[in-house]
Amino acid sequence: MPQMMPMEWMMLYITFLATFLMFNIMNYFIQSPSSQSETKKIIHINKTNWKW
């Protein structure tokens, strides 16, 4: 099998890199922002008094 020319390797690398970046960018921006009402959660703290 003949070896690929360096320019073909560079084009192959650029193609895969562009595909990878586009896939990650689309996954980042496709998520809709969560509503603000979910951020106001009440934290319940249960305090336990240990009597030994």
Protein backbone atom coordinates (compact mmCIF):
# COMPACT_ATOMS: atom_id res chain seq x y z
CA MET A 1 0.00 0.00 0.00
CA PRO A 2 1.55 3.30 -1.01
CA GLN A 3 2.16 5.86 1.67
CA MET A 4 -0.05 8.93 1.64
CA MET A 5 1.49 12.27 0.81
CA PRO A 6 1.96 14.68 3.75
CA MET A 7 -0.60 17.11 2.30
CA GLU A 8 -3.25 14.39 2.30
CA TRP A 9 -2.49 13.63 5.95
CA MET A 10 -2.86 17.33 6.76
CA MET A 11 -6.22 17.53 4.97
CA LEU A 12 -7.38 14.38 6.77
CA TYR A 13 -6.34 15.87 10.12
CA ILE A 14 -8.09 19.17 9.37
CA THR A 15 -11.26 17.33 8.32
CA PHE A 16 -11.40 15.25 11.50
CA LEU A 17 -10.54 18.24 13.67
CA ALA A 18 -13.26 20.39 12.08
CA THR A 19 -15.80 17.59 12.50
CA PHE A 20 -14.83 17.10 16.15
CA LEU A 21 -15.03 20.82 16.92
CA MET A 22 -18.40 21.23 15.17
CA PHE A 23 -19.83 18.25 17.04
CA ASN A 24 -18.68 19.67 20.41
CA ILE A 25 -19.89 23.20 19.63
CA MET A 26 -23.31 21.91 18.56
CA ASN A 27 -23.64 19.81 21.71
CA TYR A 28 -22.68 22.82 23.85
CA PHE A 29 -25.14 25.27 22.29
CA ILE A 30 -28.07 22.88 21.76
CA GLN A 31 -28.84 22.65 25.48
CA SER A 32 -31.58 25.05 26.52
CA PRO A 33 -30.87 27.08 29.65
CA SER A 34 -32.59 25.87 32.79
CA SER A 35 -35.29 28.00 34.34
CA GLN A 36 -34.42 30.32 37.20
CA SER A 37 -37.00 28.78 39.57
CA GLU A 38 -34.94 25.60 39.88
CA THR A 39 -32.00 27.46 41.37
CA LYS A 40 -33.92 28.51 44.49
CA LYS A 41 -33.92 25.23 46.41
CA ILE A 42 -34.30 24.99 50.17
CA ILE A 43 -31.47 23.14 51.88
CA HIS A 44 -32.63 21.06 54.84
CA ILE A 45 -29.96 20.44 57.46
CA ASN A 46 -30.69 17.72 59.99
CA LYS A 47 -28.70 18.32 63.14
CA THR A 48 -28.14 15.28 65.31
CA ASN A 49 -27.28 15.63 68.99
CA TRP A 50 -25.21 12.65 70.04
CA LYS A 51 -25.61 11.70 73.70
CA TRP A 52 -23.01 9.17 74.72
